[in-house]
Amino acid sequence: MRKTALITGATSGLGYEFVKLFAADGYNLVLVARNKEKLEEIKKAFAETEVTIIAKDLSIQGAPKEVFEETAKLNINIDVLVNNAGFGLMGKFDELDLQKQINMIQLNITALTELTYYFLPFMKERNNGKILNVASTAAFQPGPLMAVYYASKAYVLSFSEALAEELQEYSISITTLCPGATKTNFGSAASVEGTKMFSRAMLPDDVAKKGYEGLMNGKRVLITGGLNKFGAISAKFLPRSLAAKIAKYAAGEK
């Protein structure tokens, strides 16, 4: 029997790259994103794969539970959960739109937590499963000018590492993917394409492939790119105030 992977944020960027990787390995897919038309286009493009589409905006309260309920109604067992959906905003905290920042927390933190909560018990029942949570190198330090985004990714990393330890007695792996700047729609949506941090942005297919391999190998934390690894490790040894200054500098224009 084919296994099934559920991927959020599936219509572009890393999400779409994950779609291609799982399809190539023979997985059935449950794809979640806001844009129903794009989801339908992807379903047509992957005609040889069993694809279920769920058009939901996970930044809206209650949407993650509706996704879970829809898979339950269709009797779909989720073997792999890919919590990929997320977004960021550039600017000073008190000058950015509050509701957009609340939506960011809902998507980056709450939706990821809820989906994990809903699907994990069934993985435990089967004593088998994999979860990939997409964080960022932002998880390793404070991020002035992207304060909420950096904090949200720190949550993802901490939550995922703790959960991985809790699940040691089960055949369930939790992998946290921590990419640096990546050439996806994230850059333009967050208004960070012209910043120093995006001067060496990686290609999404490279990042997704490394993330996929790490997931399949049960790796707990995966940082993509040599410079990104160096920066993330270095941040652990720097005073938090200095790490924040470096992050603020990276958020500046090229």
C-alpha atoms as a PDB file:
ATOM      1  CA  MET A   1       0.000   0.000   0.000  1.00  0.00           C
ATOM      2  CA  ARG A   2       1.266   3.444  -0.893  1.00  0.00           C
ATOM      3  CA  LYS A   3       2.074   5.826   1.925  1.00  0.00           C
ATOM      4  CA  THR A   4       0.536   9.293   2.066  1.00  0.00           C
ATOM      5  CA  ALA A   5       2.263  12.623   2.694  1.00  0.00           C
ATOM      6  CA  LEU A   6       0.384  15.779   3.680  1.00  0.00           C
ATOM      7  CA  ILE A   7       2.170  18.974   2.616  1.00  0.00           C
ATOM      8  CA  THR A   8       1.118  22.479   3.624  1.00  0.00           C
ATOM      9  CA  GLY A   9       2.004  25.517   1.533  1.00  0.00           C
ATOM     10  CA  ALA A  10       2.117  23.107  -1.399  1.00  0.00           C
ATOM     11  CA  THR A  11       1.577  25.429  -4.367  1.00  0.00           C
ATOM     12  CA  SER A  12       4.959  27.200  -4.523  1.00  0.00           C
ATOM     13  CA  GLY A  13       8.511  27.389  -3.216  1.00  0.00           C
ATOM     14  CA  LEU A  14       9.721  24.592  -0.967  1.00  0.00           C
ATOM     15  CA  GLY A  15       6.214  23.157  -0.705  1.00  0.00           C
ATOM     16  CA  TYR A  16       5.981  22.533  -4.432  1.00  0.00           C
ATOM     17  CA  GLU A  17       9.488  21.067  -4.487  1.00  0.00           C
ATOM     18  CA  PHE A  18       8.412  18.638  -1.772  1.00  0.00           C
ATOM     19  CA  VAL A  19       5.385  17.710  -3.881  1.00  0.00           C
ATOM     20  CA  LYS A  20       7.704  16.692  -6.724  1.00  0.00           C
ATOM     21  CA  LEU A  21      10.008  14.701  -4.444  1.00  0.00           C
ATOM     22  CA  PHE A  22       7.251  12.741  -2.705  1.00  0.00           C
ATOM     23  CA  ALA A  23       5.446  12.070  -5.988  1.00  0.00           C
ATOM     24  CA  ALA A  24       8.658  10.757  -7.538  1.00  0.00           C
ATOM     25  CA  ASP A  25       8.989   8.320  -4.626  1.00  0.00           C
ATOM     26  CA  GLY A  26       5.481   6.975  -5.142  1.00  0.00           C
ATOM     27  CA  TYR A  27       3.625   8.662  -2.289  1.00  0.00           C
ATOM     28  CA  ASN A  28      -0.036   9.590  -2.401  1.00  0.00           C
ATOM     29  CA  LEU A  29      -0.405  13.278  -1.609  1.00  0.00           C
ATOM     30  CA  VAL A  30      -2.690  15.516   0.403  1.00  0.00           C
ATOM     31  CA  LEU A  31      -1.920  19.093  -0.589  1.00  0.00           C
ATOM     32  CA  VAL A  32      -3.015  22.068   1.505  1.00  0.00           C
ATOM     33  CA  ALA A  33      -2.835  25.707   0.436  1.00  0.00           C
ATOM     34  CA  ARG A  34      -5.051  28.776   0.061  1.00  0.00           C
ATOM     35  CA  ASN A  35      -5.225  28.876  -3.720  1.00  0.00           C
ATOM     36  CA  LYS A  36      -7.670  26.242  -4.968  1.00  0.00           C
ATOM     37  CA  GLU A  37      -6.941  26.937  -8.647  1.00  0.00           C
ATOM     38  CA  LYS A  38      -3.219  26.308  -8.195  1.00  0.00           C
ATOM     39  CA  LEU A  39      -3.955  23.157  -6.221  1.00  0.00           C
ATOM     40  CA  GLU A  40      -6.142  21.879  -9.052  1.00  0.00           C
ATOM     41  CA  GLU A  41      -3.395  22.685 -11.578  1.00  0.00           C
ATOM     42  CA  ILE A  42      -0.909  20.653  -9.548  1.00  0.00           C
ATOM     43  CA  LYS A  43      -3.342  17.762  -9.280  1.00  0.00           C
ATOM     44  CA  LYS A  44      -3.696  17.715 -13.080  1.00  0.00           C
ATOM     45  CA  ALA A  45       0.067  17.939 -13.537  1.00  0.00           C
ATOM     46  CA  PHE A  46       0.598  14.885 -11.321  1.00  0.00           C
ATOM     47  CA  ALA A  47      -2.044  12.705 -12.955  1.00  0.00           C
ATOM     48  CA  GLU A  48      -0.144   9.495 -12.142  1.00  0.00           C
ATOM     49  CA  THR A  49      -0.204  10.318  -8.435  1.00  0.00           C
ATOM     50  CA  GLU A  50      -3.223  10.067  -6.155  1.00  0.00           C
ATOM     51  CA  VAL A  51      -3.638  13.687  -5.077  1.00  0.00           C
ATOM     52  CA  THR A  52      -6.202  15.049  -2.637  1.00  0.00           C
ATOM     53  CA  ILE A  53      -6.425  18.835  -2.465  1.00  0.00           C
ATOM     54  CA  ILE A  54      -7.679  20.844   0.497  1.00  0.00           C
ATOM     55  CA  ALA A  55      -8.014  24.589  -0.033  1.00  0.00           C
ATOM     56  CA  LYS A  56      -7.585  26.179   3.398  1.00  0.00           C
ATOM     57  CA  ASP A  57      -5.951  29.315   4.739  1.00  0.00           C
ATOM     58  CA  LEU A  58      -4.094  27.978   7.759  1.00  0.00           C
ATOM     59  CA  SER A  59      -3.571  31.500   9.094  1.00  0.00           C
ATOM     60  CA  ILE A  60      -7.279  31.485   9.995  1.00  0.00           C
ATOM     61  CA  GLN A  61      -8.207  30.058  13.380  1.00  0.00           C
ATOM     62  CA  GLY A  62      -9.906  26.684  13.101  1.00  0.00           C
ATOM     63  CA  ALA A  63      -8.531  25.832   9.648  1.00  0.00           C
ATOM     64  CA  PRO A  64      -6.002  23.199  10.841  1.00  0.00           C
ATOM     65  CA  LYS A  65      -8.748  21.228  12.573  1.00  0.00           C
ATOM     66  CA  GLU A  66     -10.850  21.407   9.403  1.00  0.00           C
ATOM     67  CA  VAL A  67      -7.941  19.933   7.434  1.00  0.00           C
ATOM     68  CA  PHE A  68      -7.669  17.066   9.896  1.00  0.00           C
ATOM     69  CA  GLU A  69     -11.426  16.466   9.847  1.00  0.00           C
ATOM     70  CA  GLU A  70     -11.440  16.364   6.051  1.00  0.00           C
ATOM     71  CA  THR A  71      -8.715  13.705   5.928  1.00  0.00           C
ATOM     72  CA  ALA A  72     -10.584  11.714   8.581  1.00  0.00           C
ATOM     73  CA  LYS A  73     -13.803  11.935   6.582  1.00  0.00           C
ATOM     74  CA  LEU A  74     -11.952  10.576   3.541  1.00  0.00           C
ATOM     75  CA  ASN A  75     -10.319   7.818   5.651  1.00  0.00           C
ATOM     76  CA  ILE A  76      -6.832   8.980   4.688  1.00  0.00           C
ATOM     77  CA  ASN A  77      -3.992   7.898   6.950  1.00  0.00           C
ATOM     78  CA  ILE A  78      -1.172  10.426   7.012  1.00  0.00           C
ATOM     79  CA  ASP A  79       2.235   8.743   7.136  1.00  0.00           C
ATOM     80  CA  VAL A  80       4.300  11.887   6.606  1.00  0.00           C
ATOM     81  CA  LEU A  81       3.326  15.390   7.720  1.00  0.00           C
ATOM     82  CA  VAL A  82       5.211  18.301   6.154  1.00  0.00           C
ATOM     83  CA  ASN A  83       4.503  21.540   8.018  1.00  0.00           C
ATOM     84  CA  ASN A  84       5.925  23.879   5.400  1.00  0.00           C
ATOM     85  CA  ALA A  85       3.474  26.812   5.234  1.00  0.00           C
ATOM     86  CA  GLY A  86       4.710  30.068   6.712  1.00  0.00           C
ATOM     87  CA  PHE A  87       5.512  33.683   5.967  1.00  0.00           C
ATOM     88  CA  GLY A  88       7.512  36.627   7.288  1.00  0.00           C
ATOM     89  CA  LEU A  89       7.331  40.411   7.387  1.00  0.00           C
ATOM     90  CA  MET A  90      10.119  42.981   7.309  1.00  0.00           C
ATOM     91  CA  GLY A  91       9.875  46.135   9.406  1.00  0.00           C
ATOM     92  CA  LYS A  92       9.814  47.495  12.932  1.00  0.00           C
ATOM     93  CA  PHE A  93       7.406  45.550  15.128  1.00  0.00           C
ATOM     94  CA  ASP A  94       5.222  48.485  16.156  1.00  0.00           C
ATOM     95  CA  GLU A  95       5.048  49.838  12.600  1.00  0.00           C
ATOM     96  CA  LEU A  96       3.887  46.612  10.950  1.00  0.00           C
ATOM     97  CA  ASP A  97       0.222  45.701  10.721  1.00  0.00           C
ATOM     98  CA  LEU A  98      -0.751  43.924  13.946  1.00  0.00           C
ATOM     99  CA  GLN A  99      -3.299  41.589  12.365  1.00  0.00           C
ATOM    100  CA  LYS A 100      -0.764  40.407   9.788  1.00  0.00           C
ATOM    101  CA  GLN A 101       1.665  39.602  12.605  1.00  0.00           C
ATOM    102  CA  ILE A 102      -1.047  37.721  14.497  1.00  0.00           C
ATOM    103  CA  ASN A 103      -1.790  35.790  11.313  1.00  0.00           C
ATOM    104  CA  MET A 104       1.913  35.000  11.070  1.00  0.00           C
ATOM    105  CA  ILE A 105       1.889  33.531  14.567  1.00  0.00           C
ATOM    106  CA  GLN A 106      -1.245  31.555  13.711  1.00  0.00           C
ATOM    107  CA  LEU A 107       0.368  30.089  10.588  1.00  0.00           C
ATOM    108  CA  ASN A 108       3.996  29.677  11.652  1.00  0.00           C
ATOM    109  CA  ILE A 109       3.291  28.430  15.171  1.00  0.00           C
ATOM    110  CA  THR A 110      -0.323  27.547  15.928  1.00  0.00           C
ATOM    111  CA  ALA A 111      -1.238  25.746  12.701  1.00  0.00           C
ATOM    112  CA  LEU A 112       1.990  23.722  12.796  1.00  0.00           C
ATOM    113  CA  THR A 113       1.336  22.778  16.423  1.00  0.00           C
ATOM    114  CA  GLU A 114      -2.302  21.861  15.802  1.00  0.00           C
ATOM    115  CA  LEU A 115      -1.625  19.709  12.762  1.00  0.00           C
ATOM    116  CA  THR A 116       1.112  17.880  14.638  1.00  0.00           C
ATOM    117  CA  TYR A 117      -1.267  17.367  17.580  1.00  0.00           C
ATOM    118  CA  TYR A 118      -4.056  15.977  15.402  1.00  0.00           C
ATOM    119  CA  PHE A 119      -2.002  13.566  13.293  1.00  0.00           C
ATOM    120  CA  LEU A 120       0.623  12.382  15.794  1.00  0.00           C
ATOM    121  CA  PRO A 121      -1.657  10.069  17.854  1.00  0.00           C
ATOM    122  CA  PHE A 122      -2.446   8.020  14.739  1.00  0.00           C
ATOM    123  CA  MET A 123       1.249   7.731  13.937  1.00  0.00           C
ATOM    124  CA  LYS A 124       1.801   6.503  17.497  1.00  0.00           C
ATOM    125  CA  GLU A 125      -0.983   3.931  17.096  1.00  0.00           C
ATOM    126  CA  ARG A 126       0.745   2.570  13.991  1.00  0.00           C
ATOM    127  CA  ASN A 127       4.178   3.099  15.572  1.00  0.00           C
ATOM    128  CA  ASN A 128       5.329   4.647  12.343  1.00  0.00           C
ATOM    129  CA  GLY A 129       5.509   8.109  10.853  1.00  0.00           C
ATOM    130  CA  LYS A 130       7.583  11.120   9.937  1.00  0.00           C
ATOM    131  CA  ILE A 131       7.076  14.837  10.532  1.00  0.00           C
ATOM    132  CA  LEU A 132       9.055  17.588   8.815  1.00  0.00           C
ATOM    133  CA  ASN A 133       8.734  21.028  10.376  1.00  0.00           C
ATOM    134  CA  VAL A 134      10.213  23.851   8.316  1.00  0.00           C
ATOM    135  CA  ALA A 135      11.926  26.400  10.549  1.00  0.00           C
ATOM    136  CA  SER A 136      14.806  28.648   9.436  1.00  0.00           C
ATOM    137  CA  THR A 137      18.296  29.714  10.400  1.00  0.00           C
ATOM    138  CA  ALA A 138      16.326  32.577  11.967  1.00  0.00           C
ATOM    139  CA  ALA A 139      15.556  30.113  14.765  1.00  0.00           C
ATOM    140  CA  PHE A 140      19.042  30.486  16.216  1.00  0.00           C
ATOM    141  CA  GLN A 141      19.069  34.193  17.142  1.00  0.00           C
ATOM    142  CA  PRO A 142      16.824  37.220  17.736  1.00  0.00           C
ATOM    143  CA  GLY A 143      15.890  39.078  14.554  1.00  0.00           C
ATOM    144  CA  PRO A 144      15.423  42.838  14.744  1.00  0.00           C
ATOM    145  CA  LEU A 145      13.222  44.125  11.880  1.00  0.00           C
ATOM    146  CA  MET A 146      11.665  40.641  11.641  1.00  0.00           C
ATOM    147  CA  ALA A 147      11.060  40.149  15.352  1.00  0.00           C
ATOM    148  CA  VAL A 148       7.915  38.018  15.199  1.00  0.00           C
ATOM    149  CA  TYR A 149       9.149  35.878  12.313  1.00  0.00           C
ATOM    150  CA  TYR A 150      12.456  35.027  14.011  1.00  0.00           C
ATOM    151  CA  ALA A 151      10.652  34.283  17.274  1.00  0.00           C
ATOM    152  CA  SER A 152       8.150  32.036  15.496  1.00  0.00           C
ATOM    153  CA  LYS A 153      10.924  29.968  13.966  1.00  0.00           C
ATOM    154  CA  ALA A 154      12.704  29.678  17.323  1.00  0.00           C
ATOM    155  CA  TYR A 155       9.473  28.140  18.593  1.00  0.00           C
ATOM    156  CA  VAL A 156       9.371  25.652  15.718  1.00  0.00           C
ATOM    157  CA  LEU A 157      12.925  24.496  16.407  1.00  0.00           C
ATOM    158  CA  SER A 158      12.476  24.200  20.179  1.00  0.00           C
ATOM    159  CA  PHE A 159       9.102  22.457  19.876  1.00  0.00           C
ATOM    160  CA  SER A 160      10.370  19.991  17.283  1.00  0.00           C
ATOM    161  CA  GLU A 161      13.535  19.062  19.174  1.00  0.00           C
ATOM    162  CA  ALA A 162      11.547  18.482  22.362  1.00  0.00           C
ATOM    163  CA  LEU A 163       8.991  16.358  20.529  1.00  0.00           C
ATOM    164  CA  ALA A 164      11.735  14.287  18.886  1.00  0.00           C
ATOM    165  CA  GLU A 165      13.031  13.399  22.344  1.00  0.00           C
ATOM    166  CA  GLU A 166       9.544  12.564  23.643  1.00  0.00           C
ATOM    167  CA  LEU A 167       9.059  10.105  20.788  1.00  0.00           C
ATOM    168  CA  GLN A 168      12.271   8.124  21.285  1.00  0.00           C
ATOM    169  CA  GLU A 169      10.335   4.948  22.140  1.00  0.00           C
ATOM    170  CA  TYR A 170       8.388   5.099  18.855  1.00  0.00           C
ATOM    171  CA  SER A 171       9.388   4.594  15.225  1.00  0.00           C
ATOM    172  CA  ILE A 172       8.471   8.216  14.521  1.00  0.00           C
ATOM    173  CA  SER A 173      10.985  10.848  13.473  1.00  0.00           C
ATOM    174  CA  ILE A 174      10.706  14.611  13.790  1.00  0.00           C
ATOM    175  CA  THR A 175      12.976  16.570  11.466  1.00  0.00           C
ATOM    176  CA  THR A 176      13.432  20.333  11.591  1.00  0.00           C
ATOM    177  CA  LEU A 177      14.613  21.901   8.352  1.00  0.00           C
ATOM    178  CA  CYS A 178      16.449  25.186   8.901  1.00  0.00           C
ATOM    179  CA  PRO A 179      17.189  26.821   5.558  1.00  0.00           C
ATOM    180  CA  GLY A 180      18.755  30.214   5.155  1.00  0.00           C
ATOM    181  CA  ALA A 181      17.579  32.630   2.477  1.00  0.00           C
ATOM    182  CA  THR A 182      15.942  30.693  -0.360  1.00  0.00           C
ATOM    183  CA  LYS A 183      14.738  31.937  -3.743  1.00  0.00           C
ATOM    184  CA  THR A 184      11.001  31.468  -3.209  1.00  0.00           C
ATOM    185  CA  ASN A 185       7.952  33.719  -2.986  1.00  0.00           C
ATOM    186  CA  PHE A 186       8.866  34.234   0.661  1.00  0.00           C
ATOM    187  CA  GLY A 187      11.456  36.856  -0.276  1.00  0.00           C
ATOM    188  CA  SER A 188       9.082  39.128  -2.147  1.00  0.00           C
ATOM    189  CA  ALA A 189       6.202  38.570   0.280  1.00  0.00           C
ATOM    190  CA  ALA A 190       8.412  39.497   3.232  1.00  0.00           C
ATOM    191  CA  SER A 191      10.106  42.371   1.312  1.00  0.00           C
ATOM    192  CA  VAL A 192      13.585  41.009   2.011  1.00  0.00           C
ATOM    193  CA  GLU A 193      14.852  40.256  -1.513  1.00  0.00           C
ATOM    194  CA  GLY A 194      17.060  43.342  -1.561  1.00  0.00           C
ATOM    195  CA  THR A 195      18.710  42.673   1.792  1.00  0.00           C
ATOM    196  CA  LYS A 196      22.189  41.355   2.552  1.00  0.00           C
ATOM    197  CA  MET A 197      20.706  38.110   3.875  1.00  0.00           C
ATOM    198  CA  PHE A 198      19.383  37.306   0.402  1.00  0.00           C
ATOM    199  CA  SER A 199      22.636  37.968  -1.429  1.00  0.00           C
ATOM    200  CA  ARG A 200      23.507  34.246  -1.329  1.00  0.00           C
ATOM    201  CA  ALA A 201      20.008  32.781  -1.450  1.00  0.00           C
ATOM    202  CA  MET A 202      19.863  29.057  -2.267  1.00  0.00           C
ATOM    203  CA  LEU A 203      17.631  27.484  -4.895  1.00  0.00           C
ATOM    204  CA  PRO A 204      14.454  25.873  -3.518  1.00  0.00           C
ATOM    205  CA  ASP A 205      15.023  22.528  -5.237  1.00  0.00           C
ATOM    206  CA  ASP A 206      18.431  22.182  -3.553  1.00  0.00           C
ATOM    207  CA  VAL A 207      17.003  23.049  -0.130  1.00  0.00           C
ATOM    208  CA  ALA A 208      14.006  20.737  -0.521  1.00  0.00           C
ATOM    209  CA  LYS A 209      16.153  17.823  -1.689  1.00  0.00           C
ATOM    210  CA  LYS A 210      18.432  18.137   1.325  1.00  0.00           C
ATOM    211  CA  GLY A 211      15.408  18.466   3.607  1.00  0.00           C
ATOM    212  CA  TYR A 212      13.789  15.408   2.044  1.00  0.00           C
ATOM    213  CA  GLU A 213      16.932  13.317   2.442  1.00  0.00           C
ATOM    214  CA  GLY A 214      17.273  14.429   6.061  1.00  0.00           C
ATOM    215  CA  LEU A 215      13.641  13.535   6.727  1.00  0.00           C
ATOM    216  CA  MET A 216      14.007  10.069   5.207  1.00  0.00           C
ATOM    217  CA  ASN A 217      17.176   9.473   7.221  1.00  0.00           C
ATOM    218  CA  GLY A 218      15.507  10.524  10.470  1.00  0.00           C
ATOM    219  CA  LYS A 219      17.783  13.500  11.063  1.00  0.00           C
ATOM    220  CA  ARG A 220      16.599  15.781  13.868  1.00  0.00           C
ATOM    221  CA  VAL A 221      17.915  19.160  12.683  1.00  0.00           C
ATOM    222  CA  LEU A 222      19.119  19.992   9.202  1.00  0.00           C
ATOM    223  CA  ILE A 223      20.704  23.329   8.295  1.00  0.00           C
ATOM    224  CA  THR A 224      21.195  23.778   4.561  1.00  0.00           C
ATOM    225  CA  GLY A 225      24.304  25.470   3.173  1.00  0.00           C
ATOM    226  CA  GLY A 226      27.802  25.674   4.597  1.00  0.00           C
ATOM    227  CA  LEU A 227      27.679  29.369   5.477  1.00  0.00           C
ATOM    228  CA  ASN A 228      24.270  28.930   7.056  1.00  0.00           C
ATOM    229  CA  LYS A 229      25.599  26.116   9.241  1.00  0.00           C
ATOM    230  CA  PHE A 230      28.530  28.251  10.299  1.00  0.00           C
ATOM    231  CA  GLY A 231      26.252  31.173  11.142  1.00  0.00           C
ATOM    232  CA  ALA A 232      23.782  29.056  13.107  1.00  0.00           C
ATOM    233  CA  ILE A 233      26.506  27.336  15.118  1.00  0.00           C
ATOM    234  CA  SER A 234      28.326  30.625  15.742  1.00  0.00           C
ATOM    235  CA  ALA A 235      25.141  32.232  17.048  1.00  0.00           C
ATOM    236  CA  LYS A 236      25.085  29.708  19.897  1.00  0.00           C
ATOM    237  CA  PHE A 237      28.353  31.075  21.245  1.00  0.00           C
ATOM    238  CA  LEU A 238      27.695  34.791  20.797  1.00  0.00           C
ATOM    239  CA  PRO A 239      26.044  37.056  23.379  1.00  0.00           C
ATOM    240  CA  ARG A 240      22.379  37.387  22.394  1.00  0.00           C
ATOM    241  CA  SER A 241      22.752  41.156  22.056  1.00  0.00           C
ATOM    242  CA  LEU A 242      25.587  40.739  19.549  1.00  0.00           C
ATOM    243  CA  ALA A 243      23.672  38.063  17.607  1.00  0.00           C
ATOM    244  CA  ALA A 244      20.750  40.497  17.374  1.00  0.00           C
ATOM    245  CA  LYS A 245      23.021  43.228  16.005  1.00  0.00           C
ATOM    246  CA  ILE A 246      24.377  40.881  13.346  1.00  0.00           C
ATOM    247  CA  ALA A 247      20.861  39.848  12.336  1.00  0.00           C
ATOM    248  CA  LYS A 248      19.852  43.508  12.110  1.00  0.00           C
ATOM    249  CA  TYR A 249      22.844  44.198   9.863  1.00  0.00           C
ATOM    250  CA  ALA A 250      21.898  41.263   7.605  1.00  0.00           C
ATOM    251  CA  ALA A 251      18.394  42.719   7.292  1.00  0.00           C
ATOM    252  CA  GLY A 252      19.828  45.899   5.798  1.00  0.00           C
ATOM    253  CA  GLU A 253      20.010  46.663   2.096  1.00  0.00           C
ATOM    254  CA  LYS A 254      22.865  45.282  -0.002  1.00  0.00           C
END
